[in-house]
Amino acid sequence: MIATTATDLVSAYYAAWQDGADHFDEATLREILAPDLVFEGPIAGHRVGAEGFLKGLFNFVSAVKAMRILQQV
């Protein structure tokens, strides 16, 4: 998977987990996330590195019952 635009990248990110934990595509996420990413959010707090982010994202996805993107700008 090669994201050629920001839109492709965002679409690939959400497609990798929006269908729930049973369809969580960790391989795709590892391809598109920088190993040294820095994330700051209200639930997960401050995270440095893809490993911790992936674990937190999987836990989040496991708790979500449904997700639907209303608009991508």
Protein backbone atom coordinates (compact mmCIF):
# COMPACT_ATOMS: atom_id res chain seq x y z
CA MET A 1 0.00 0.00 0.00
CA ILE A 2 1.49 3.29 -1.08
CA ALA A 3 -0.41 6.43 -0.11
CA THR A 4 0.26 9.05 -2.76
CA THR A 5 -1.78 11.87 -1.24
CA ALA A 6 -2.81 13.00 2.23
CA THR A 7 -6.35 11.87 1.40
CA ASP A 8 -5.05 8.38 0.51
CA LEU A 9 -3.13 8.24 3.77
CA VAL A 10 -6.09 9.29 5.91
CA SER A 11 -8.40 6.88 4.08
CA ALA A 12 -5.96 4.00 4.57
CA TYR A 13 -5.58 4.84 8.28
CA TYR A 14 -9.31 4.74 8.97
CA ALA A 15 -9.92 1.75 6.70
CA ALA A 16 -7.36 -0.19 8.74
CA TRP A 17 -9.52 -0.10 11.87
CA GLN A 18 -12.99 1.33 11.27
CA ASP A 19 -14.62 -2.11 10.90
CA GLY A 20 -13.76 -3.18 14.44
CA ALA A 21 -11.20 -5.25 16.26
CA ASP A 22 -11.86 -8.39 14.18
CA HIS A 23 -10.70 -6.49 11.09
CA PHE A 24 -7.90 -4.45 12.71
CA ASP A 25 -5.17 -4.27 10.04
CA GLU A 26 -2.00 -3.82 12.05
CA ALA A 27 0.22 -4.47 9.02
CA THR A 28 -1.26 -1.54 7.11
CA LEU A 29 -1.03 0.71 10.14
CA ARG A 30 2.65 -0.18 10.57
CA GLU A 31 3.23 0.79 6.93
CA ILE A 32 1.67 4.22 7.26
CA LEU A 33 2.63 5.24 10.81
CA ALA A 34 6.07 6.67 11.48
CA PRO A 35 7.96 4.56 14.06
CA ASP A 36 8.79 7.74 15.99
CA LEU A 37 5.33 9.33 15.81
CA VAL A 38 4.22 11.61 18.63
CA PHE A 39 0.53 11.51 19.56
CA GLU A 40 -1.34 13.77 21.97
CA GLY A 41 -5.00 13.10 22.69
CA PRO A 42 -7.62 13.54 25.40
CA ILE A 43 -8.06 9.81 26.07
CA ALA A 44 -4.61 8.31 25.40
CA GLY A 45 -2.63 11.29 26.58
CA HIS A 46 0.92 11.71 25.28
CA ARG A 47 2.38 8.77 23.37
CA VAL A 48 5.74 8.54 21.62
CA GLY A 49 6.32 5.77 19.10
CA ALA A 50 4.11 3.63 16.93
CA GLU A 51 4.17 0.61 19.26
CA GLY A 52 2.38 2.29 22.14
CA PHE A 53 0.02 4.05 19.77
CA LEU A 54 -0.95 0.78 18.05
CA LYS A 55 -1.70 -0.90 21.38
CA GLY A 56 -3.82 2.05 22.47
CA LEU A 57 -5.62 2.21 19.13
CA PHE A 58 -6.42 -1.50 19.28
CA ASN A 59 -7.84 -1.08 22.79
CA PHE A 60 -9.92 1.87 21.58
CA VAL A 61 -11.18 -0.05 18.54
CA SER A 62 -12.08 -3.01 20.76
CA ALA A 63 -14.33 -0.75 22.82
CA VAL A 64 -16.03 1.00 19.89
CA LYS A 65 -19.32 -0.50 18.73
CA ALA A 66 -19.47 1.34 15.40
CA MET A 67 -17.78 4.13 13.50
CA ARG A 68 -18.86 6.01 10.43
CA ILE A 69 -17.01 8.86 8.75
CA LEU A 70 -19.50 11.60 7.99
CA GLN A 71 -17.23 13.83 5.96
CA GLN A 72 -13.59 13.85 4.97
CA VAL A 73 -12.32 17.28 4.05
